[in-house]
Amino acid sequence: MARYQQLNPLDHMFFVGNELRKRLGLPGVNIQVLLELKGALDLEGFRQALRGLYRLYPAAGGRLERSAVSGRPRWRLNAEPDLRRAVRVRNLRAGTADELQLQSERLLRSSRSRAAAASG
C-alpha cells in the first residue's frame, strides 16, 4: 500500500524549481552520487544493500509526484526504485586538452543557440 507525505515549505520550493526547469526545456533536478573506487564494485551486492536501505528507511527511495485526485505535490515514500537505473557504473578516463577544448566550444555554441531561440 502506498505511503505519502505532504511537502514541507522547503520541499515545495524544490518541487516548484524542478517543475520550472522542466517547462523551460531543461532537465529536472537529479541528485547524483559519484564514487571513485579502488577495484571493481560488487554491483549485485551493492543493489541488494540499497534494497535493504529502502526497506529500513522508505524516505531514501521517495520520489516527488502529484496526487491524481488533488493535483498537489507530495512525496511517495514507498516507491520501489528501479535499481538498474539507480545504480550505473561508468569507467571514466580523463579527457585530453584538445578534447576538453572541443567539448567546451560545443557547449558554448549550444547554450548560445538555446538563448537565441528562447529570446525569439
PDB file of N, CA and C in Angstrom:
ATOM      1  N   MET A   1       0.845  -1.179   0.000  1.00  0.00           N
ATOM      2  CA  MET A   1       0.000   0.000   0.000  1.00  0.00           C
ATOM      3  C   MET A   1       0.894   1.247   0.000  1.00  0.00           C
ATOM      4  N   ALA A   2       0.530   2.199  -0.799  1.00  0.00           N
ATOM      5  CA  ALA A   2       1.332   3.416  -0.934  1.00  0.00           C
ATOM      6  C   ALA A   2       1.277   4.270   0.330  1.00  0.00           C
ATOM      7  N   ARG A   3       2.417   4.870   0.641  1.00  0.00           N
ATOM      8  CA  ARG A   3       2.508   5.822   1.760  1.00  0.00           C
ATOM      9  C   ARG A   3       2.920   7.168   1.194  1.00  0.00           C
ATOM     10  N   TYR A   4       2.268   8.232   1.666  1.00  0.00           N
ATOM     11  CA  TYR A   4       2.525   9.566   1.154  1.00  0.00           C
ATOM     12  C   TYR A   4       2.806  10.531   2.289  1.00  0.00           C
ATOM     13  N   GLN A   5       3.542  11.574   1.959  1.00  0.00           N
ATOM     14  CA  GLN A   5       3.840  12.641   2.924  1.00  0.00           C
ATOM     15  C   GLN A   5       3.703  13.967   2.187  1.00  0.00           C
ATOM     16  N   GLN A   6       2.982  14.908   2.807  1.00  0.00           N
ATOM     17  CA  GLN A   6       2.863  16.228   2.198  1.00  0.00           C
ATOM     18  C   GLN A   6       4.216  16.942   2.255  1.00  0.00           C
ATOM     19  N   LEU A   7       4.418  17.866   1.367  1.00  0.00           N
ATOM     20  CA  LEU A   7       5.688  18.584   1.304  1.00  0.00           C
ATOM     21  C   LEU A   7       5.780  19.634   2.388  1.00  0.00           C
ATOM     22  N   ASN A   8       6.973  19.806   2.943  1.00  0.00           N
ATOM     23  CA  ASN A   8       7.210  20.941   3.830  1.00  0.00           C
ATOM     24  C   ASN A   8       7.542  22.139   2.932  1.00  0.00           C
ATOM     25  N   PRO A   9       7.658  23.347   3.475  1.00  0.00           N
ATOM     26  CA  PRO A   9       7.901  24.529   2.618  1.00  0.00           C
ATOM     27  C   PRO A   9       9.171  24.419   1.763  1.00  0.00           C
ATOM     28  N   LEU A  10      10.243  23.874   2.303  1.00  0.00           N
ATOM     29  CA  LEU A  10      11.468  23.737   1.521  1.00  0.00           C
ATOM     30  C   LEU A  10      11.293  22.712   0.396  1.00  0.00           C
ATOM     31  N   ASP A  11      10.618  21.610   0.690  1.00  0.00           N
ATOM     32  CA  ASP A  11      10.323  20.615  -0.342  1.00  0.00           C
ATOM     33  C   ASP A  11       9.491  21.238  -1.463  1.00  0.00           C
ATOM     34  N   HIS A  12       8.536  22.085  -1.069  1.00  0.00           N
ATOM     35  CA  HIS A  12       7.664  22.721  -2.059  1.00  0.00           C
ATOM     36  C   HIS A  12       8.475  23.634  -2.981  1.00  0.00           C
ATOM     37  N   MET A  13       9.407  24.385  -2.425  1.00  0.00           N
ATOM     38  CA  MET A  13      10.271  25.241  -3.251  1.00  0.00           C
ATOM     39  C   MET A  13      11.105  24.387  -4.209  1.00  0.00           C
ATOM     40  N   PHE A  14      11.619  23.277  -3.721  1.00  0.00           N
ATOM     41  CA  PHE A  14      12.389  22.356  -4.558  1.00  0.00           C
ATOM     42  C   PHE A  14      11.511  21.841  -5.702  1.00  0.00           C
ATOM     43  N   PHE A  15      10.273  21.452  -5.394  1.00  0.00           N
ATOM     44  CA  PHE A  15       9.352  20.937  -6.399  1.00  0.00           C
ATOM     45  C   PHE A  15       9.056  21.995  -7.463  1.00  0.00           C
ATOM     46  N   VAL A  16       8.777  23.221  -7.037  1.00  0.00           N
ATOM     47  CA  VAL A  16       8.470  24.299  -7.983  1.00  0.00           C
ATOM     48  C   VAL A  16       9.668  24.568  -8.884  1.00  0.00           C
ATOM     49  N   GLY A  17      10.863  24.639  -8.300  1.00  0.00           N
ATOM     50  CA  GLY A  17      12.067  24.855  -9.110  1.00  0.00           C
ATOM     51  C   GLY A  17      12.277  23.747 -10.123  1.00  0.00           C
ATOM     52  N   ASN A  18      12.023  22.520  -9.715  1.00  0.00           N
ATOM     53  CA  ASN A  18      12.160  21.371 -10.606  1.00  0.00           C
ATOM     54  C   ASN A  18      11.166  21.475 -11.767  1.00  0.00           C
ATOM     55  N   GLU A  19       9.919  21.816 -11.462  1.00  0.00           N
ATOM     56  CA  GLU A  19       8.891  21.942 -12.498  1.00  0.00           C
ATOM     57  C   GLU A  19       9.221  23.083 -13.461  1.00  0.00           C
ATOM     58  N   LEU A  20       9.702  24.208 -12.942  1.00  0.00           N
ATOM     59  CA  LEU A  20      10.065  25.335 -13.806  1.00  0.00           C
ATOM     60  C   LEU A  20      11.196  24.961 -14.750  1.00  0.00           C
ATOM     61  N   ARG A  21      12.185  24.247 -14.241  1.00  0.00           N
ATOM     62  CA  ARG A  21      13.294  23.814 -15.105  1.00  0.00           C
ATOM     63  C   ARG A  21      12.771  22.950 -16.250  1.00  0.00           C
ATOM     64  N   LYS A  22      11.865  22.032 -15.943  1.00  0.00           N
ATOM     65  CA  LYS A  22      11.324  21.150 -16.988  1.00  0.00           C
ATOM     66  C   LYS A  22      10.521  21.943 -18.026  1.00  0.00           C
ATOM     67  N   ARG A  23       9.755  22.943 -17.578  1.00  0.00           N
ATOM     68  CA  ARG A  23       8.962  23.757 -18.512  1.00  0.00           C
ATOM     69  C   ARG A  23       9.845  24.583 -19.436  1.00  0.00           C
ATOM     70  N   LEU A  24      11.045  24.916 -18.982  1.00  0.00           N
ATOM     71  CA  LEU A  24      11.989  25.658 -19.812  1.00  0.00           C
ATOM     72  C   LEU A  24      12.785  24.749 -20.737  1.00  0.00           C
ATOM     73  N   GLY A  25      12.478  23.462 -20.698  1.00  0.00           N
ATOM     74  CA  GLY A  25      13.178  22.505 -21.544  1.00  0.00           C
ATOM     75  C   GLY A  25      14.484  22.026 -20.955  1.00  0.00           C
ATOM     76  N   LEU A  26      14.727  22.360 -19.698  1.00  0.00           N
ATOM     77  CA  LEU A  26      15.939  21.912 -19.013  1.00  0.00           C
ATOM     78  C   LEU A  26      15.663  20.602 -18.298  1.00  0.00           C
ATOM     79  N   PRO A  27      16.686  19.845 -17.987  1.00  0.00           N
ATOM     80  CA  PRO A  27      16.431  18.620 -17.226  1.00  0.00           C
ATOM     81  C   PRO A  27      15.994  18.966 -15.808  1.00  0.00           C
ATOM     82  N   GLY A  28      15.166  18.124 -15.242  1.00  0.00           N
ATOM     83  CA  GLY A  28      14.777  18.312 -13.855  1.00  0.00           C
ATOM     84  C   GLY A  28      15.970  18.077 -12.947  1.00  0.00           C
ATOM     85  N   VAL A  29      15.813  18.423 -11.691  1.00  0.00           N
ATOM     86  CA  VAL A  29      16.888  18.229 -10.728  1.00  0.00           C
ATOM     87  C   VAL A  29      17.108  16.735 -10.543  1.00  0.00           C
ATOM     88  N   ASN A  30      18.334  16.331 -10.625  1.00  0.00           N
ATOM     89  CA  ASN A  30      18.686  14.933 -10.487  1.00  0.00           C
ATOM     90  C   ASN A  30      19.802  14.845  -9.458  1.00  0.00           C
ATOM     91  N   ILE A  31      19.546  14.161  -8.389  1.00  0.00           N
ATOM     92  CA  ILE A  31      20.549  14.044  -7.334  1.00  0.00           C
ATOM     93  C   ILE A  31      21.431  12.846  -7.660  1.00  0.00           C
ATOM     94  N   GLN A  32      22.705  13.115  -7.751  1.00  0.00           N
ATOM     95  CA  GLN A  32      23.639  12.060  -8.119  1.00  0.00           C
ATOM     96  C   GLN A  32      24.727  11.932  -7.064  1.00  0.00           C
ATOM     97  N   VAL A  33      25.224  10.758  -6.933  1.00  0.00           N
ATOM     98  CA  VAL A  33      26.376  10.492  -6.083  1.00  0.00           C
ATOM     99  C   VAL A  33      27.408   9.802  -6.961  1.00  0.00           C
ATOM    100  N   LEU A  34      28.573  10.377  -6.994  1.00  0.00           N
ATOM    101  CA  LEU A  34      29.656   9.794  -7.777  1.00  0.00           C
ATOM    102  C   LEU A  34      30.705   9.262  -6.821  1.00  0.00           C
ATOM    103  N   LEU A  35      31.136   8.055  -7.057  1.00  0.00           N
ATOM    104  CA  LEU A  35      32.146   7.436  -6.220  1.00  0.00           C
ATOM    105  C   LEU A  35      33.334   7.034  -7.078  1.00  0.00           C
ATOM    106  N   GLU A  36      34.505   7.258  -6.542  1.00  0.00           N
ATOM    107  CA  GLU A  36      35.709   6.745  -7.189  1.00  0.00           C
ATOM    108  C   GLU A  36      36.187   5.584  -6.335  1.00  0.00           C
ATOM    109  N   LEU A  37      36.306   4.433  -6.938  1.00  0.00           N
ATOM    110  CA  LEU A  37      36.622   3.223  -6.196  1.00  0.00           C
ATOM    111  C   LEU A  37      37.977   2.661  -6.594  1.00  0.00           C
ATOM    112  N   LYS A  38      38.588   2.008  -5.641  1.00  0.00           N
ATOM    113  CA  LYS A  38      39.783   1.211  -5.941  1.00  0.00           C
ATOM    114  C   LYS A  38      39.294  -0.208  -6.165  1.00  0.00           C
ATOM    115  N   GLY A  39      39.393  -0.684  -7.377  1.00  0.00           N
ATOM    116  CA  GLY A  39      38.945  -2.036  -7.672  1.00  0.00           C
ATOM    117  C   GLY A  39      37.513  -2.061  -8.163  1.00  0.00           C
ATOM    118  N   ALA A  40      37.045  -3.257  -8.451  1.00  0.00           N
ATOM    119  CA  ALA A  40      35.719  -3.452  -9.025  1.00  0.00           C
ATOM    120  C   ALA A  40      34.641  -3.409  -7.940  1.00  0.00           C
ATOM    121  N   LEU A  41      33.474  -2.951  -8.318  1.00  0.00           N
ATOM    122  CA  LEU A  41      32.318  -2.893  -7.436  1.00  0.00           C
ATOM    123  C   LEU A  41      31.512  -4.184  -7.575  1.00  0.00           C
ATOM    124  N   ASP A  42      31.120  -4.775  -6.453  1.00  0.00           N
ATOM    125  CA  ASP A  42      30.188  -5.903  -6.470  1.00  0.00           C
ATOM    126  C   ASP A  42      28.809  -5.306  -6.704  1.00  0.00           C
ATOM    127  N   LEU A  43      28.435  -5.155  -7.961  1.00  0.00           N
ATOM    128  CA  LEU A  43      27.229  -4.432  -8.338  1.00  0.00           C
ATOM    129  C   LEU A  43      25.967  -5.063  -7.758  1.00  0.00           C
ATOM    130  N   GLU A  44      25.824  -6.369  -7.852  1.00  0.00           N
ATOM    131  CA  GLU A  44      24.620  -7.002  -7.319  1.00  0.00           C
ATOM    132  C   GLU A  44      24.569  -6.883  -5.798  1.00  0.00           C
ATOM    133  N   GLY A  45      25.702  -7.038  -5.136  1.00  0.00           N
ATOM    134  CA  GLY A  45      25.740  -6.856  -3.680  1.00  0.00           C
ATOM    135  C   GLY A  45      25.372  -5.441  -3.273  1.00  0.00           C
ATOM    136  N   PHE A  46      25.828  -4.460  -4.059  1.00  0.00           N
ATOM    137  CA  PHE A  46      25.504  -3.057  -3.791  1.00  0.00           C
ATOM    138  C   PHE A  46      24.003  -2.816  -3.960  1.00  0.00           C
ATOM    139  N   ARG A  47      23.434  -3.372  -5.013  1.00  0.00           N
ATOM    140  CA  ARG A  47      21.988  -3.222  -5.232  1.00  0.00           C
ATOM    141  C   ARG A  47      21.184  -3.880  -4.100  1.00  0.00           C
ATOM    142  N   GLN A  48      21.631  -5.031  -3.625  1.00  0.00           N
ATOM    143  CA  GLN A  48      20.942  -5.689  -2.513  1.00  0.00           C
ATOM    144  C   GLN A  48      21.014  -4.823  -1.258  1.00  0.00           C
ATOM    145  N   ALA A  49      22.153  -4.204  -1.027  1.00  0.00           N
ATOM    146  CA  ALA A  49      22.291  -3.312   0.132  1.00  0.00           C
ATOM    147  C   ALA A  49      21.334  -2.127   0.010  1.00  0.00           C
ATOM    148  N   LEU A  50      21.189  -1.577  -1.207  1.00  0.00           N
ATOM    149  CA  LEU A  50      20.248  -0.473  -1.409  1.00  0.00           C
ATOM    150  C   LEU A  50      18.809  -0.915  -1.171  1.00  0.00           C
ATOM    151  N   ARG A  51      18.469  -2.122  -1.616  1.00  0.00           N
ATOM    152  CA  ARG A  51      17.116  -2.632  -1.348  1.00  0.00           C
ATOM    153  C   ARG A  51      16.853  -2.682   0.157  1.00  0.00           C
ATOM    154  N   GLY A  52      17.843  -3.145   0.920  1.00  0.00           N
ATOM    155  CA  GLY A  52      17.713  -3.175   2.376  1.00  0.00           C
ATOM    156  C   GLY A  52      17.564  -1.783   2.955  1.00  0.00           C
ATOM    157  N   LEU A  53      18.318  -0.829   2.431  1.00  0.00           N
ATOM    158  CA  LEU A  53      18.216   0.564   2.885  1.00  0.00           C
ATOM    159  C   LEU A  53      16.802   1.093   2.655  1.00  0.00           C
ATOM    160  N   TYR A  54      16.244   0.847   1.469  1.00  0.00           N
ATOM    161  CA  TYR A  54      14.905   1.336   1.155  1.00  0.00           C
ATOM    162  C   TYR A  54      13.848   0.688   2.045  1.00  0.00           C
ATOM    163  N   ARG A  55      14.052  -0.579   2.417  1.00  0.00           N
ATOM    164  CA  ARG A  55      13.097  -1.226   3.329  1.00  0.00           C
ATOM    165  C   ARG A  55      13.160  -0.605   4.722  1.00  0.00           C
ATOM    166  N   LEU A  56      14.375  -0.329   5.223  1.00  0.00           N
ATOM    167  CA  LEU A  56      14.525   0.253   6.560  1.00  0.00           C
ATOM    168  C   LEU A  56      14.160   1.727   6.607  1.00  0.00           C
ATOM    169  N   TYR A  57      14.497   2.477   5.552  1.00  0.00           N
ATOM    170  CA  TYR A  57      14.274   3.922   5.501  1.00  0.00           C
ATOM    171  C   TYR A  57      13.558   4.263   4.199  1.00  0.00           C
ATOM    172  N   PRO A  58      12.226   4.100   4.159  1.00  0.00           N
ATOM    173  CA  PRO A  58      11.485   4.295   2.910  1.00  0.00           C
ATOM    174  C   PRO A  58      11.684   5.682   2.289  1.00  0.00           C
ATOM    175  N   ALA A  59      11.943   6.692   3.101  1.00  0.00           N
ATOM    176  CA  ALA A  59      12.122   8.037   2.552  1.00  0.00           C
ATOM    177  C   ALA A  59      13.344   8.113   1.637  1.00  0.00           C
ATOM    178  N   ALA A  60      14.315   7.221   1.840  1.00  0.00           N
ATOM    179  CA  ALA A  60      15.509   7.229   0.987  1.00  0.00           C
ATOM    180  C   ALA A  60      15.153   6.898  -0.461  1.00  0.00           C
ATOM    181  N   GLY A  61      14.075   6.175  -0.670  1.00  0.00           N
ATOM    182  CA  GLY A  61      13.639   5.845  -2.025  1.00  0.00           C
ATOM    183  C   GLY A  61      12.449   6.670  -2.463  1.00  0.00           C
ATOM    184  N   GLY A  62      12.130   7.714  -1.703  1.00  0.00           N
ATOM    185  CA  GLY A  62      10.962   8.526  -2.021  1.00  0.00           C
ATOM    186  C   GLY A  62      11.120   9.291  -3.325  1.00  0.00           C
ATOM    187  N   ARG A  63       9.991   9.668  -3.881  1.00  0.00           N
ATOM    188  CA  ARG A  63      10.030  10.491  -5.089  1.00  0.00           C
ATOM    189  C   ARG A  63       8.883  11.489  -5.034  1.00  0.00           C
ATOM    190  N   LEU A  64       9.104  12.603  -5.702  1.00  0.00           N
ATOM    191  CA  LEU A  64       8.069  13.625  -5.789  1.00  0.00           C
ATOM    192  C   LEU A  64       7.089  13.255  -6.899  1.00  0.00           C
ATOM    193  N   GLU A  65       5.805  13.450  -6.608  1.00  0.00           N
ATOM    194  CA  GLU A  65       4.779  13.216  -7.621  1.00  0.00           C
ATOM    195  C   GLU A  65       3.591  14.107  -7.304  1.00  0.00           C
ATOM    196  N   ARG A  66       2.645  14.141  -8.209  1.00  0.00           N
ATOM    197  CA  ARG A  66       1.401  14.885  -7.981  1.00  0.00           C
ATOM    198  C   ARG A  66       0.279  13.893  -7.683  1.00  0.00           C
ATOM    199  N   SER A  67      -0.594  14.265  -6.756  1.00  0.00           N
ATOM    200  CA  SER A  67      -1.760  13.451  -6.449  1.00  0.00           C
ATOM    201  C   SER A  67      -2.677  13.425  -7.670  1.00  0.00           C
ATOM    202  N   ALA A  68      -3.155  12.245  -8.033  1.00  0.00           N
ATOM    203  CA  ALA A  68      -4.090  12.118  -9.156  1.00  0.00           C
ATOM    204  C   ALA A  68      -5.435  12.749  -8.825  1.00  0.00           C
ATOM    205  N   VAL A  69      -5.753  12.870  -7.535  1.00  0.00           N
ATOM    206  CA  VAL A  69      -7.040  13.420  -7.116  1.00  0.00           C
ATOM    207  C   VAL A  69      -6.975  14.942  -6.980  1.00  0.00           C
ATOM    208  N   SER A  70      -6.036  15.442  -6.168  1.00  0.00           N
ATOM    209  CA  SER A  70      -5.978  16.883  -5.882  1.00  0.00           C
ATOM    210  C   SER A  70      -5.010  17.639  -6.782  1.00  0.00           C
ATOM    211  N   GLY A  71      -4.064  16.921  -7.402  1.00  0.00           N
ATOM    212  CA  GLY A  71      -3.048  17.590  -8.214  1.00  0.00           C
ATOM    213  C   GLY A  71      -1.934  18.203  -7.394  1.00  0.00           C
ATOM    214  N   ARG A  72      -2.019  18.102  -6.078  1.00  0.00           N
ATOM    215  CA  ARG A  72      -0.998  18.693  -5.204  1.00  0.00           C
ATOM    216  C   ARG A  72       0.252  17.814  -5.168  1.00  0.00           C
ATOM    217  N   PRO A  73       1.419  18.441  -5.091  1.00  0.00           N
ATOM    218  CA  PRO A  73       2.650  17.646  -4.989  1.00  0.00           C
ATOM    219  C   PRO A  73       2.743  16.960  -3.635  1.00  0.00           C
ATOM    220  N   ARG A  74       3.413  15.809  -3.629  1.00  0.00           N
ATOM    221  CA  ARG A  74       3.596  15.038  -2.393  1.00  0.00           C
ATOM    222  C   ARG A  74       4.777  14.104  -2.591  1.00  0.00           C
ATOM    223  N   TRP A  75       5.270  13.591  -1.477  1.00  0.00           N
ATOM    224  CA  TRP A  75       6.293  12.554  -1.504  1.00  0.00           C
ATOM    225  C   TRP A  75       5.607  11.201  -1.531  1.00  0.00           C
ATOM    226  N   ARG A  76       6.046  10.337  -2.399  1.00  0.00           N
ATOM    227  CA  ARG A  76       5.630   8.928  -2.341  1.00  0.00           C
ATOM    228  C   ARG A  76       6.798   8.202  -1.689  1.00  0.00           C
ATOM    229  N   LEU A  77       6.567   7.680  -0.480  1.00  0.00           N
ATOM    230  CA  LEU A  77       7.670   7.165   0.326  1.00  0.00           C
ATOM    231  C   LEU A  77       8.031   5.719   0.053  1.00  0.00           C
ATOM    232  N   ASN A  78       7.105   4.937  -0.409  1.00  0.00           N
ATOM    233  CA  ASN A  78       7.424   3.530  -0.594  1.00  0.00           C
ATOM    234  C   ASN A  78       7.630   3.198  -2.061  1.00  0.00           C
ATOM    235  N   ALA A  79       8.121   4.165  -2.813  1.00  0.00           N
ATOM    236  CA  ALA A  79       8.384   3.928  -4.234  1.00  0.00           C
ATOM    237  C   ALA A  79       9.577   2.994  -4.351  1.00  0.00           C
ATOM    238  N   GLU A  80       9.362   1.857  -4.938  1.00  0.00           N
ATOM    239  CA  GLU A  80      10.466   0.905  -5.128  1.00  0.00           C
ATOM    240  C   GLU A  80      11.285   1.388  -6.323  1.00  0.00           C
ATOM    241  N   PRO A  81      12.498   1.839  -6.073  1.00  0.00           N
ATOM    242  CA  PRO A  81      13.303   2.366  -7.177  1.00  0.00           C
ATOM    243  C   PRO A  81      13.745   1.260  -8.129  1.00  0.00           C
ATOM    244  N   ASP A  82      13.897   1.641  -9.378  1.00  0.00           N
ATOM    245  CA  ASP A  82      14.433   0.726 -10.380  1.00  0.00           C
ATOM    246  C   ASP A  82      15.951   0.753 -10.218  1.00  0.00           C
ATOM    247  N   LEU A  83      16.488  -0.246  -9.545  1.00  0.00           N
ATOM    248  CA  LEU A  83      17.915  -0.231  -9.225  1.00  0.00           C
ATOM    249  C   LEU A  83      18.798  -0.430 -10.443  1.00  0.00           C
ATOM    250  N   ARG A  84      18.233  -0.905 -11.549  1.00  0.00           N
ATOM    251  CA  ARG A  84      19.028  -0.971 -12.785  1.00  0.00           C
ATOM    252  C   ARG A  84      19.339   0.443 -13.277  1.00  0.00           C
ATOM    253  N   ARG A  85      18.391   1.377 -13.032  1.00  0.00           N
ATOM    254  CA  ARG A  85      18.612   2.762 -13.428  1.00  0.00           C
ATOM    255  C   ARG A  85      19.286   3.557 -12.315  1.00  0.00           C
ATOM    256  N   ALA A  86      19.000   3.199 -11.063  1.00  0.00           N
ATOM    257  CA  ALA A  86      19.526   3.964  -9.932  1.00  0.00           C
ATOM    258  C   ALA A  86      21.027   3.775  -9.747  1.00  0.00           C
ATOM    259  N   VAL A  87      21.526   2.631 -10.155  1.00  0.00           N
ATOM    260  CA  VAL A  87      22.955   2.344  -9.997  1.00  0.00           C
ATOM    261  C   VAL A  87      23.537   2.074 -11.372  1.00  0.00           C
ATOM    262  N   ARG A  88      24.382   2.961 -11.794  1.00  0.00           N
ATOM    263  CA  ARG A  88      25.050   2.802 -13.086  1.00  0.00           C
ATOM    264  C   ARG A  88      26.547   2.895 -12.866  1.00  0.00           C
ATOM    265  N   VAL A  89      27.264   2.038 -13.512  1.00  0.00           N
ATOM    266  CA  VAL A  89      28.716   2.025 -13.391  1.00  0.00           C
ATOM    267  C   VAL A  89      29.307   2.553 -14.689  1.00  0.00           C
ATOM    268  N   ARG A  90      30.156   3.542 -14.564  1.00  0.00           N
ATOM    269  CA  ARG A  90      30.837   4.121 -15.721  1.00  0.00           C
ATOM    270  C   ARG A  90      32.336   4.112 -15.445  1.00  0.00           C
ATOM    271  N   ASN A  91      33.092   3.650 -16.391  1.00  0.00           N
ATOM    272  CA  ASN A  91      34.542   3.728 -16.296  1.00  0.00           C
ATOM    273  C   ASN A  91      34.967   4.989 -17.035  1.00  0.00           C
ATOM    274  N   LEU A  92      35.525   5.924 -16.303  1.00  0.00           N
ATOM    275  CA  LEU A  92      35.875   7.224 -16.863  1.00  0.00           C
ATOM    276  C   LEU A  92      37.381   7.349 -17.051  1.00  0.00           C
ATOM    277  N   ARG A  93      37.735   8.133 -18.021  1.00  0.00           N
ATOM    278  CA  ARG A  93      39.130   8.480 -18.215  1.00  0.00           C
ATOM    279  C   ARG A  93      39.193   9.984 -18.387  1.00  0.00           C
ATOM    280  N   ALA A  94      40.296  10.555 -18.062  1.00  0.00           N
ATOM    281  CA  ALA A  94      40.471  11.999 -18.209  1.00  0.00           C
ATOM    282  C   ALA A  94      40.545  12.348 -19.686  1.00  0.00           C
ATOM    283  N   GLY A  95      39.916  13.439 -20.062  1.00  0.00           N
ATOM    284  CA  GLY A  95      39.987  13.906 -21.439  1.00  0.00           C
ATOM    285  C   GLY A  95      41.319  14.589 -21.705  1.00  0.00           C
ATOM    286  N   THR A  96      41.706  14.580 -22.967  1.00  0.00           N
ATOM    287  CA  THR A  96      42.919  15.313 -23.350  1.00  0.00           C
ATOM    288  C   THR A  96      42.580  16.799 -23.402  1.00  0.00           C
ATOM    289  N   ALA A  97      43.589  17.640 -23.438  1.00  0.00           N
ATOM    290  CA  ALA A  97      43.362  19.088 -23.527  1.00  0.00           C
ATOM    291  C   ALA A  97      42.568  19.431 -24.784  1.00  0.00           C
ATOM    292  N   ASP A  98      42.879  18.782 -25.901  1.00  0.00           N
ATOM    293  CA  ASP A  98      42.149  19.040 -27.148  1.00  0.00           C
ATOM    294  C   ASP A  98      40.683  18.622 -27.033  1.00  0.00           C
ATOM    295  N   GLU A  99      40.423  17.470 -26.418  1.00  0.00           N
ATOM    296  CA  GLU A  99      39.044  17.012 -26.250  1.00  0.00           C
ATOM    297  C   GLU A  99      38.250  17.964 -25.351  1.00  0.00           C
ATOM    298  N   LEU A 100      38.871  18.423 -24.277  1.00  0.00           N
ATOM    299  CA  LEU A 100      38.195  19.354 -23.372  1.00  0.00           C
ATOM    300  C   LEU A 100      37.902  20.681 -24.064  1.00  0.00           C
ATOM    301  N   GLN A 101      38.841  21.181 -24.860  1.00  0.00           N
ATOM    302  CA  GLN A 101      38.630  22.425 -25.598  1.00  0.00           C
ATOM    303  C   GLN A 101      37.474  22.283 -26.590  1.00  0.00           C
ATOM    304  N   LEU A 102      37.457  21.183 -27.336  1.00  0.00           N
ATOM    305  CA  LEU A 102      36.404  20.937 -28.317  1.00  0.00           C
ATOM    306  C   LEU A 102      35.038  20.838 -27.641  1.00  0.00           C
ATOM    307  N   GLN A 103      34.962  20.108 -26.549  1.00  0.00           N
ATOM    308  CA  GLN A 103      33.690  19.958 -25.835  1.00  0.00           C
ATOM    309  C   GLN A 103      33.236  21.296 -25.261  1.00  0.00           C
ATOM    310  N   SER A 104      34.153  22.102 -24.737  1.00  0.00           N
ATOM    311  CA  SER A 104      33.804  23.421 -24.206  1.00  0.00           C
ATOM    312  C   SER A 104      33.207  24.295 -25.299  1.00  0.00           C
ATOM    313  N   GLU A 105      33.809  24.279 -26.474  1.00  0.00           N
ATOM    314  CA  GLU A 105      33.291  25.072 -27.593  1.00  0.00           C
ATOM    315  C   GLU A 105      31.898  24.602 -28.003  1.00  0.00           C
ATOM    316  N   ARG A 106      31.664  23.298 -28.024  1.00  0.00           N
ATOM    317  CA  ARG A 106      30.334  22.765 -28.358  1.00  0.00           C
ATOM    318  C   ARG A 106      29.286  23.217 -27.346  1.00  0.00           C
ATOM    319  N   LEU A 107      29.638  23.156 -26.076  1.00  0.00           N
ATOM    320  CA  LEU A 107      28.692  23.577 -25.040  1.00  0.00           C
ATOM    321  C   LEU A 107      28.371  25.055 -25.140  1.00  0.00           C
ATOM    322  N   LEU A 108      29.377  25.880 -25.408  1.00  0.00           N
ATOM    323  CA  LEU A 108      29.141  27.317 -25.549  1.00  0.00           C
ATOM    324  C   LEU A 108      28.243  27.614 -26.749  1.00  0.00           C
ATOM    325  N   ARG A 109      28.513  26.959 -27.879  1.00  0.00           N
ATOM    326  CA  ARG A 109      27.663  27.155 -29.060  1.00  0.00           C
ATOM    327  C   ARG A 109      26.227  26.717 -28.776  1.00  0.00           C
ATOM    328  N   SER A 110      26.079  25.593 -28.109  1.00  0.00           N
ATOM    329  CA  SER A 110      24.757  25.073 -27.792  1.00  0.00           C
ATOM    330  C   SER A 110      23.997  26.027 -26.865  1.00  0.00           C
ATOM    331  N   SER A 111      24.668  26.557 -25.851  1.00  0.00           N
ATOM    332  CA  SER A 111      23.980  27.462 -24.919  1.00  0.00           C
ATOM    333  C   SER A 111      23.607  28.760 -25.610  1.00  0.00           C
ATOM    334  N   ARG A 112      24.448  29.260 -26.542  1.00  0.00           N
ATOM    335  CA  ARG A 112      24.102  30.464 -27.304  1.00  0.00           C
ATOM    336  C   ARG A 112      22.897  30.202 -28.192  1.00  0.00           C
ATOM    337  N   SER A 113      22.828  29.042 -28.811  1.00  0.00           N
ATOM    338  CA  SER A 113      21.697  28.694 -29.673  1.00  0.00           C
ATOM    339  C   SER A 113      20.401  28.631 -28.880  1.00  0.00           C
ATOM    340  N   ARG A 114      20.446  28.025 -27.686  1.00  0.00           N
ATOM    341  CA  ARG A 114      19.255  27.947 -26.833  1.00  0.00           C
ATOM    342  C   ARG A 114      18.818  29.333 -26.380  1.00  0.00           C
ATOM    343  N   ALA A 115      19.776  30.186 -26.024  1.00  0.00           N
ATOM    344  CA  ALA A 115      19.447  31.541 -25.577  1.00  0.00           C
ATOM    345  C   ALA A 115      18.814  32.329 -26.717  1.00  0.00           C
ATOM    346  N   ALA A 116      19.352  32.184 -27.928  1.00  0.00           N
ATOM    347  CA  ALA A 116      18.803  32.915 -29.081  1.00  0.00           C
ATOM    348  C   ALA A 116      17.385  32.408 -29.387  1.00  0.00           C
ATOM    349  N   ALA A 117      17.163  31.113 -29.320  1.00  0.00           N
ATOM    350  CA  ALA A 117      15.837  30.551 -29.592  1.00  0.00           C
ATOM    351  C   ALA A 117      14.827  30.996 -28.536  1.00  0.00           C
ATOM    352  N   ALA A 118      15.267  31.096 -27.289  1.00  0.00           N
ATOM    353  CA  ALA A 118      14.368  31.493 -26.210  1.00  0.00           C
ATOM    354  C   ALA A 118      13.974  32.961 -26.298  1.00  0.00           C
ATOM    355  N   SER A 119      14.884  33.792 -26.831  1.00  0.00           N
ATOM    356  CA  SER A 119      14.602  35.233 -26.897  1.00  0.00           C
ATOM    357  C   SER A 119      13.752  35.594 -28.097  1.00  0.00           C
ATOM    358  N   GLY A 120      13.536  34.664 -28.990  1.00  0.00           N
ATOM    359  CA  GLY A 120      12.571  34.914 -30.037  1.00  0.00           C
ATOM    360  C   GLY A 120      13.138  34.970 -31.375  1.00  0.00           C
TER     361      GLY A 120
END
